[in-house]
Amino acid sequence: MRIVEIKTAVVAYHGKATLIRIDTDAGISGYGEANPDAGAAAIVGLISELKSELIGEDPRNVEYCWEKLRRKHVFAGAQSGIFLIALSGIEMALWDLAAKAAGQPLYRMFGGKFRDRIRLYADCGDGDGPAGSPEGCASRARRMVAEGFTALKFDIDDLGHPAKFDAVNHTINGAELRFMVERVAAVRDAIGPDIDLCIDLHARYDVPSACRIASEMERFNLLWLEEPIPAENVEALKQIRMRSKTPICVGENLYLRWGFRELLQGQCADVVMPDVPKCGGLSESRKIAHLAEIYYLPFAPHLVSTPLGTMATCHVCGSVPNFLVLEWHALEEREVWDSYVHVPNGGKSILNDGHITLPDAPGIGVELNLEGVRKHAVAGYGVFD
């Protein structure tokens, strides 16, 4: 079996999500998805440039194909950023192909599964209207718990707060901190003590501010406080972790297993959250999970993908022992999100009661709904043309 073509499509989800199709001379195609945060133009262009280096390769040699591209381009930025995002999408499509060729679900290619269903947390953003208000946050929290979610996440970093010192300096002040506490208190009161609650700070603050916020959050028994500062200075992260009882979660902006090495060796976080279609791909995420397990840390991937990338990530989550919970970000784009795949057994969505069941169909286990892809395709990129 040899690769004969690689094509892309770009659809509207969380911005512009790039989908990848790899075709073979055996008539089998595999599909993957790259994280959308970097946009689509650079990802599509880079995949077009890399295509010639994979044509003729056996797609079942997934790790070889991945290393071939990464090592050749190490002087062109193959350690992080756009290159790794594009490579993650390609690697996902290779795994889909390899599993389809073997007639096996993807999780079985990874050594089998530890669980049948993957628990998701709903990213609730700023809550219902009025956006960012305590009552709006409480309303959205109650709604998502009623839909079956047992874990939620809210954003409390308000860049437009009138008390901010200025648009660049994010040192927290008393009025901002008080508003943060009011919002989290409203959510905790709404959902009770047994629903897991996470809070995201989007890597915006300095160490003193992060310590003040983490200390105030202790009363709410959070599952984690996410990225209180940028993740690249692990010693600074360790200061926050050591000063607070609130667990610290980090990882969506780290790449490859080497990007997590100092974080783990220094024991600078309580939960690791690599973004699977961004950090290097499915195999790399499993390796990061196994490294975290050495330090007895849970694995809770960040994710902003369509159902294709979400289901692929679920196979990773099902195949590692230390999985905790997976992000689901499509609350405000649910109808579009659901439209991108054919749901097994004729259902309306792969998501039910806050969980996704691992499919036993070969490959990732969901097929793209090309009608939905074409309907929401971003103009100018084509659809696997």
Protein backbone atom coordinates (compact mmCIF):
# COMPACT_ATOMS: atom_id res chain seq x y z
CA MET A 1 0.00 0.00 0.00
CA ARG A 2 1.40 3.39 -1.03
CA ILE A 3 0.31 7.00 -0.55
CA VAL A 4 -0.77 8.54 -3.87
CA GLU A 5 -2.37 11.86 -2.85
CA ILE A 6 -2.94 14.23 0.08
CA LYS A 7 -5.73 16.80 -0.04
CA THR A 8 -7.32 19.24 2.39
CA ALA A 9 -10.61 20.94 3.19
CA VAL A 10 -11.22 23.85 5.54
CA VAL A 11 -14.46 24.13 7.51
CA ALA A 12 -15.89 26.67 9.89
CA TYR A 13 -15.38 25.57 13.47
CA HIS A 14 -13.60 27.52 16.20
CA GLY A 15 -12.32 29.66 13.34
CA LYS A 16 -11.00 27.65 10.41
CA ALA A 17 -10.43 23.93 10.95
CA THR A 18 -8.22 22.07 8.45
CA LEU A 19 -9.24 18.52 7.51
CA ILE A 20 -6.75 16.22 5.75
CA ARG A 21 -7.41 13.25 3.45
CA ILE A 22 -4.63 10.83 2.47
CA ASP A 23 -5.39 8.51 -0.48
CA THR A 24 -3.66 5.23 -1.28
CA ASP A 25 -3.25 2.95 -4.28
CA ALA A 26 -5.30 0.37 -2.38
CA GLY A 27 -8.40 2.56 -2.59
CA ILE A 28 -8.40 3.28 1.16
CA SER A 29 -8.36 6.86 2.43
CA GLY A 30 -7.56 8.16 5.89
CA TYR A 31 -8.77 11.40 7.47
CA GLY A 32 -7.16 13.71 10.00
CA GLU A 33 -7.61 17.17 11.46
CA ALA A 34 -5.23 19.93 12.55
CA ASN A 35 -5.88 22.27 15.48
CA PRO A 36 -7.62 25.45 14.17
CA ASP A 37 -6.01 28.05 16.42
CA ALA A 38 -3.24 28.90 13.91
CA GLY A 39 -5.76 29.51 11.12
CA ALA A 40 -5.86 27.54 7.88
CA ALA A 41 -3.76 29.29 5.23
CA ALA A 42 -0.36 28.34 6.69
CA ILE A 43 -1.48 24.80 7.60
CA VAL A 44 -2.90 24.07 4.14
CA GLY A 45 0.16 25.57 2.46
CA LEU A 46 2.58 23.57 4.59
CA ILE A 47 0.74 20.30 3.97
CA SER A 48 0.88 21.03 0.24
CA GLU A 49 4.65 21.53 0.55
CA LEU A 50 5.13 18.30 2.55
CA LYS A 51 2.98 16.15 0.28
CA SER A 52 5.75 15.16 -2.12
CA GLU A 53 7.79 13.76 0.79
CA LEU A 54 5.04 11.26 1.64
CA ILE A 55 3.94 10.21 -1.84
CA GLY A 56 5.04 6.61 -2.35
CA GLU A 57 5.41 5.81 1.36
CA ASP A 58 3.51 3.00 3.07
CA PRO A 59 1.03 4.84 5.34
CA ARG A 60 1.03 1.96 7.80
CA ASN A 61 4.56 2.99 8.82
CA VAL A 62 3.01 5.83 10.80
CA GLU A 63 5.91 6.53 13.16
CA TYR A 64 8.44 6.39 10.31
CA CYS A 65 6.47 8.87 8.19
CA TRP A 66 6.13 11.19 11.21
CA GLU A 67 9.84 11.06 12.04
CA LYS A 68 10.82 11.45 8.39
CA LEU A 69 9.03 14.80 8.20
CA ARG A 70 10.01 16.01 11.69
CA ARG A 71 13.72 15.22 11.40
CA LYS A 72 14.09 16.59 7.88
CA HIS A 73 12.55 19.92 8.90
CA VAL A 74 14.08 20.38 12.33
CA PHE A 75 15.91 23.47 11.04
CA ALA A 76 12.65 24.91 9.71
CA GLY A 77 10.74 24.96 13.01
CA ALA A 78 9.67 21.34 13.41
CA GLN A 79 9.84 21.67 17.19
CA SER A 80 6.56 23.57 17.70
CA GLY A 81 3.97 25.86 16.17
CA ILE A 82 2.51 25.58 12.69
CA PHE A 83 4.78 22.75 11.58
CA LEU A 84 3.74 20.53 14.50
CA ILE A 85 0.06 21.41 14.02
CA ALA A 86 0.20 20.38 10.35
CA LEU A 87 2.18 17.24 11.21
CA SER A 88 -0.40 16.34 13.88
CA GLY A 89 -3.19 16.40 11.29
CA ILE A 90 -1.18 14.31 8.84
CA GLU A 91 -0.31 11.77 11.54
CA MET A 92 -3.99 11.43 12.50
CA ALA A 93 -4.89 10.62 8.88
CA LEU A 94 -2.05 8.04 8.73
CA TRP A 95 -3.37 6.30 11.85
CA ASP A 96 -6.90 6.28 10.41
CA LEU A 97 -5.51 4.66 7.26
CA ALA A 98 -3.42 2.10 9.15
CA ALA A 99 -6.34 1.06 11.33
CA LYS A 100 -8.73 0.82 8.37
CA ALA A 101 -6.19 -1.31 6.50
CA ALA A 102 -5.96 -3.60 9.52
CA GLY A 103 -9.76 -3.70 9.88
CA GLN A 104 -9.41 -2.58 13.51
CA PRO A 105 -10.68 0.34 15.60
CA LEU A 106 -7.93 2.80 16.34
CA TYR A 107 -7.82 2.09 20.07
CA ARG A 108 -6.91 -1.53 19.32
CA MET A 109 -3.90 -0.34 17.29
CA PHE A 110 -2.81 1.40 20.50
CA GLY A 111 -2.95 -1.81 22.55
CA GLY A 112 -6.64 -1.85 23.44
CA LYS A 113 -8.85 0.23 25.71
CA PHE A 114 -9.14 0.89 29.42
CA ARG A 115 -12.69 2.25 29.16
CA ASP A 116 -15.66 2.17 26.77
CA ARG A 117 -16.81 5.76 27.23
CA ILE A 118 -14.82 8.98 27.36
CA ARG A 119 -15.95 11.59 29.89
CA LEU A 120 -16.04 15.16 28.57
CA TYR A 121 -16.14 18.52 30.31
CA ALA A 122 -18.17 21.31 28.77
CA ASP A 123 -16.22 24.49 28.12
CA CYS A 124 -18.84 27.02 29.20
CA GLY A 125 -16.85 30.13 28.27
CA ASP A 126 -18.39 33.27 29.75
CA GLY A 127 -21.75 31.63 30.44
CA ASP A 128 -25.19 32.65 29.19
CA GLY A 129 -26.26 36.26 28.90
CA PRO A 130 -25.46 38.70 30.28
CA ALA A 131 -22.04 37.31 29.26
CA GLY A 132 -19.67 37.01 32.17
CA SER A 133 -22.29 37.76 34.81
CA PRO A 134 -22.61 35.49 37.87
CA GLU A 135 -26.24 34.73 37.00
CA GLY A 136 -25.33 33.96 33.36
CA CYS A 137 -22.56 31.59 34.47
CA ALA A 138 -24.89 29.86 36.92
CA SER A 139 -27.57 29.49 34.24
CA ARG A 140 -25.20 27.85 31.76
CA ALA A 141 -23.77 25.59 34.45
CA ARG A 142 -27.21 24.28 35.41
CA ARG A 143 -28.07 23.74 31.73
CA MET A 144 -24.97 21.69 31.00
CA VAL A 145 -25.34 19.56 34.12
CA ALA A 146 -28.93 18.86 33.03
CA GLU A 147 -27.50 17.63 29.70
CA GLY A 148 -25.42 15.05 31.52
CA PHE A 149 -22.03 16.69 31.97
CA THR A 150 -20.24 15.88 35.21
CA ALA A 151 -17.47 18.42 34.65
CA LEU A 152 -17.52 22.07 33.51
CA LYS A 153 -15.01 24.79 32.74
CA PHE A 154 -15.48 28.56 32.83
CA ASP A 155 -13.35 31.52 31.74
CA ILE A 156 -12.94 34.23 34.39
CA ASP A 157 -10.19 36.33 32.78
CA ASP A 158 -12.13 39.40 31.69
CA LEU A 159 -9.87 41.54 29.49
CA GLY A 160 -12.58 44.16 29.25
CA HIS A 161 -13.13 44.57 32.98
CA PRO A 162 -13.48 48.31 33.75
CA ALA A 163 -11.15 48.06 36.75
CA LYS A 164 -8.15 46.81 34.74
CA PHE A 165 -5.05 48.99 35.05
CA ASP A 166 -4.60 49.05 31.27
CA ALA A 167 -5.00 46.85 28.20
CA VAL A 168 -1.56 45.22 28.51
CA ASN A 169 -0.79 44.93 32.21
CA HIS A 170 -2.81 41.99 33.58
CA THR A 171 -1.72 42.32 37.20
CA ILE A 172 -4.91 41.59 39.13
CA ASN A 173 -6.53 44.21 41.35
CA GLY A 174 -9.09 43.90 44.12
CA ALA A 175 -12.15 44.69 42.00
CA GLU A 176 -11.21 42.13 39.34
CA LEU A 177 -10.45 39.45 41.90
CA ARG A 178 -13.74 40.08 43.70
CA PHE A 179 -15.65 39.71 40.41
CA MET A 180 -13.82 36.45 39.63
CA VAL A 181 -14.78 35.05 43.03
CA GLU A 182 -18.42 36.09 42.59
CA ARG A 183 -18.67 34.24 39.27
CA VAL A 184 -17.08 31.04 40.52
CA ALA A 185 -19.19 31.15 43.71
CA ALA A 186 -22.35 31.45 41.60
CA VAL A 187 -21.39 28.41 39.54
CA ARG A 188 -20.42 26.29 42.54
CA ASP A 189 -23.72 27.20 44.26
CA ALA A 190 -25.61 26.25 41.08
CA ILE A 191 -24.01 22.84 40.53
CA GLY A 192 -23.34 21.70 44.08
CA PRO A 193 -20.18 20.10 45.47
CA ASP A 194 -20.00 16.94 43.34
CA ILE A 195 -19.72 18.33 39.79
CA ASP A 196 -16.10 18.87 38.76
CA LEU A 197 -15.33 22.53 38.09
CA CYS A 198 -12.32 23.92 36.19
CA ILE A 199 -11.35 27.56 35.74
CA ASP A 200 -9.30 28.88 32.80
CA LEU A 201 -7.03 31.96 33.03
CA HIS A 202 -5.62 31.67 29.46
CA ALA A 203 -1.98 32.24 30.53
CA ARG A 204 -2.55 35.95 31.06
CA TYR A 205 -1.28 36.76 34.57
CA ASP A 206 1.95 37.32 36.48
CA VAL A 207 3.05 35.12 39.37
CA PRO A 208 1.77 37.33 42.26
CA SER A 209 -1.63 37.69 40.57
CA ALA A 210 -1.84 33.98 39.82
CA CYS A 211 -1.04 33.15 43.45
CA ARG A 212 -3.77 35.51 44.69
CA ILE A 213 -6.34 33.97 42.32
CA ALA A 214 -5.30 30.39 43.15
CA SER A 215 -5.57 31.13 46.86
CA GLU A 216 -9.09 32.58 46.48
CA MET A 217 -10.15 29.54 44.43
CA GLU A 218 -9.25 27.07 47.18
CA ARG A 219 -12.67 27.42 48.82
CA PHE A 220 -14.38 26.16 45.62
CA ASN A 221 -12.61 22.77 45.45
CA LEU A 222 -11.64 23.10 41.77
CA LEU A 223 -10.61 20.15 39.64
CA TRP A 224 -7.97 22.54 38.31
CA LEU A 225 -6.94 26.14 37.63
CA GLU A 226 -5.78 26.25 34.02
CA GLU A 227 -2.71 28.11 32.74
CA PRO A 228 -2.56 30.93 35.31
CA ILE A 229 0.67 32.13 33.63
CA PRO A 230 2.37 31.26 30.31
CA ALA A 231 3.64 27.68 30.42
CA GLU A 232 7.16 28.16 29.09
CA ASN A 233 8.71 29.12 32.47
CA VAL A 234 8.18 26.00 34.53
CA GLU A 235 10.00 27.39 37.60
CA ALA A 236 7.44 30.21 37.77
CA LEU A 237 4.65 27.65 37.47
CA LYS A 238 6.16 25.70 40.32
CA GLN A 239 5.98 28.77 42.58
CA ILE A 240 2.22 28.95 42.04
CA ARG A 241 1.77 25.23 42.53
CA MET A 242 3.72 25.24 45.79
CA ARG A 243 1.84 28.23 47.23
CA SER A 244 -1.71 26.98 46.65
CA LYS A 245 -3.83 23.93 47.32
CA THR A 246 -5.64 24.53 44.01
CA PRO A 247 -4.42 22.01 41.37
CA ILE A 248 -2.67 23.61 38.39
CA CYS A 249 -3.32 22.35 34.82
CA VAL A 250 -0.90 23.14 31.96
CA GLY A 251 -0.04 21.93 28.49
CA GLU A 252 -2.16 23.22 25.60
CA ASN A 253 0.73 25.43 24.43
CA LEU A 254 3.48 22.84 24.81
CA TYR A 255 4.67 20.60 21.97
CA LEU A 256 6.14 17.11 21.76
CA ARG A 257 7.24 14.98 24.71
CA TRP A 258 10.33 17.16 25.06
CA GLY A 259 8.11 20.18 25.69
CA PHE A 260 6.70 18.43 28.76
CA ARG A 261 10.04 17.12 30.08
CA GLU A 262 10.99 20.02 32.36
CA LEU A 263 7.38 20.50 33.46
CA LEU A 264 7.18 16.90 34.61
CA GLN A 265 10.68 16.57 36.00
CA GLY A 266 10.18 19.72 38.07
CA GLN A 267 6.73 18.57 39.15
CA CYS A 268 5.41 22.01 38.19
CA ALA A 269 1.81 20.99 37.42
CA ASP A 270 -0.89 18.71 38.80
CA VAL A 271 -2.64 17.88 35.51
CA VAL A 272 -1.24 17.80 31.94
CA MET A 273 -3.42 18.87 29.02
CA PRO A 274 -1.71 18.47 25.61
CA ASP A 275 -3.87 19.38 22.62
CA VAL A 276 -3.70 16.17 20.56
CA PRO A 277 -4.16 17.69 17.03
CA LYS A 278 -1.55 20.33 17.95
CA CYS A 279 1.20 18.89 20.14
CA GLY A 280 2.47 16.29 17.63
CA GLY A 281 -0.42 13.88 17.15
CA LEU A 282 -1.96 10.73 18.54
CA SER A 283 1.21 8.74 19.24
CA GLU A 284 3.00 11.75 20.72
CA SER A 285 0.06 12.42 23.05
CA ARG A 286 0.13 8.84 24.27
CA LYS A 287 3.84 9.19 24.99
CA ILE A 288 3.16 12.39 26.95
CA ALA A 289 0.43 10.58 28.91
CA HIS A 290 2.85 7.79 29.76
CA LEU A 291 5.50 10.29 30.88
CA ALA A 292 2.89 11.94 33.13
CA GLU A 293 2.04 8.57 34.61
CA ILE A 294 5.63 8.20 35.83
CA TYR A 295 4.83 11.14 38.13
CA TYR A 296 1.32 9.84 38.92
CA LEU A 297 -0.33 12.78 37.13
CA PRO A 298 -3.66 12.69 35.28
CA PHE A 299 -3.96 13.29 31.53
CA ALA A 300 -6.80 15.65 30.46
CA PRO A 301 -6.37 16.77 26.82
CA HIS A 302 -7.28 20.25 25.64
CA LEU A 303 -9.35 20.14 22.44
CA VAL A 304 -11.08 22.48 19.98
CA SER A 305 -11.75 20.05 17.11
CA THR A 306 -14.67 18.90 14.96
CA PRO A 307 -16.14 15.44 15.72
CA LEU A 308 -13.41 13.89 13.53
CA GLY A 309 -10.53 15.18 15.66
CA THR A 310 -12.58 14.68 18.80
CA MET A 311 -13.22 11.00 18.10
CA ALA A 312 -9.56 10.44 17.18
CA THR A 313 -8.58 12.01 20.50
CA CYS A 314 -11.08 9.75 22.29
CA HIS A 315 -9.11 6.73 21.06
CA VAL A 316 -6.03 8.16 22.78
CA CYS A 317 -8.01 8.83 25.95
CA GLY A 318 -9.40 5.30 25.94
CA SER A 319 -5.99 3.72 25.54
CA VAL A 320 -4.04 5.30 28.42
CA PRO A 321 -4.57 4.44 32.10
CA ASN A 322 -4.28 7.97 33.54
CA PHE A 323 -7.01 9.68 31.47
CA LEU A 324 -9.14 12.05 33.55
CA VAL A 325 -11.48 14.08 31.29
CA LEU A 326 -11.52 15.55 27.74
CA GLU A 327 -12.50 19.07 26.67
CA TRP A 328 -15.60 19.69 24.54
CA HIS A 329 -15.79 23.20 23.15
CA ALA A 330 -18.75 23.18 20.75
CA LEU A 331 -21.52 24.35 23.04
CA GLU A 332 -22.21 27.47 20.98
CA GLU A 333 -21.63 25.74 17.61
CA ARG A 334 -23.39 22.45 18.36
CA GLU A 335 -25.51 22.10 15.21
CA VAL A 336 -22.59 22.83 12.88
CA TRP A 337 -20.28 20.58 14.93
CA ASP A 338 -22.68 17.63 14.74
CA SER A 339 -23.10 18.07 10.96
CA TYR A 340 -19.50 17.15 10.10
CA VAL A 341 -19.77 13.37 10.56
CA HIS A 342 -22.20 10.51 10.04
CA VAL A 343 -23.08 9.31 13.53
CA PRO A 344 -22.81 5.53 14.07
CA ASN A 345 -26.15 3.72 14.46
CA GLY A 346 -28.10 6.66 13.04
CA GLY A 347 -27.83 8.90 16.10
CA LYS A 348 -27.86 12.70 16.02
CA SER A 349 -24.52 13.23 17.73
CA ILE A 350 -21.46 11.28 18.85
CA LEU A 351 -21.88 13.09 22.19
CA ASN A 352 -24.47 11.81 24.63
CA ASP A 353 -24.88 12.53 28.36
CA GLY A 354 -21.50 14.21 28.54
CA HIS A 355 -19.70 11.16 27.16
CA ILE A 356 -18.52 9.74 23.82
CA THR A 357 -18.61 5.97 23.31
CA LEU A 358 -15.58 4.49 21.55
CA PRO A 359 -16.70 2.96 18.23
CA ASP A 360 -15.61 -0.50 17.06
CA ALA A 361 -15.63 0.41 13.35
CA PRO A 362 -12.22 0.33 11.63
CA GLY A 363 -10.12 3.48 11.88
CA ILE A 364 -11.25 6.53 13.81
CA GLY A 365 -14.74 5.11 13.59
CA VAL A 366 -16.66 8.06 12.17
CA GLU A 367 -16.89 9.06 8.52
CA LEU A 368 -17.09 12.64 7.35
CA ASN A 369 -20.49 13.85 6.19
CA LEU A 370 -19.40 15.58 2.98
CA GLU A 371 -22.74 17.35 2.74
CA GLY A 372 -22.05 19.03 6.09
CA VAL A 373 -18.42 19.68 5.15
CA ARG A 374 -19.41 21.37 1.86
CA LYS A 375 -22.18 23.36 3.54
CA HIS A 376 -19.77 24.90 6.06
CA ALA A 377 -16.60 24.89 3.94
CA VAL A 378 -14.57 28.08 4.13
CA ALA A 379 -14.51 29.76 0.72
CA GLY A 380 -11.24 29.75 -1.18
CA TYR A 381 -9.83 26.45 0.10
CA GLY A 382 -11.88 23.86 -1.81
CA VAL A 383 -13.12 20.55 -0.41
CA PHE A 384 -10.48 17.86 -0.99
CA ASP A 385 -10.01 19.23 -4.53
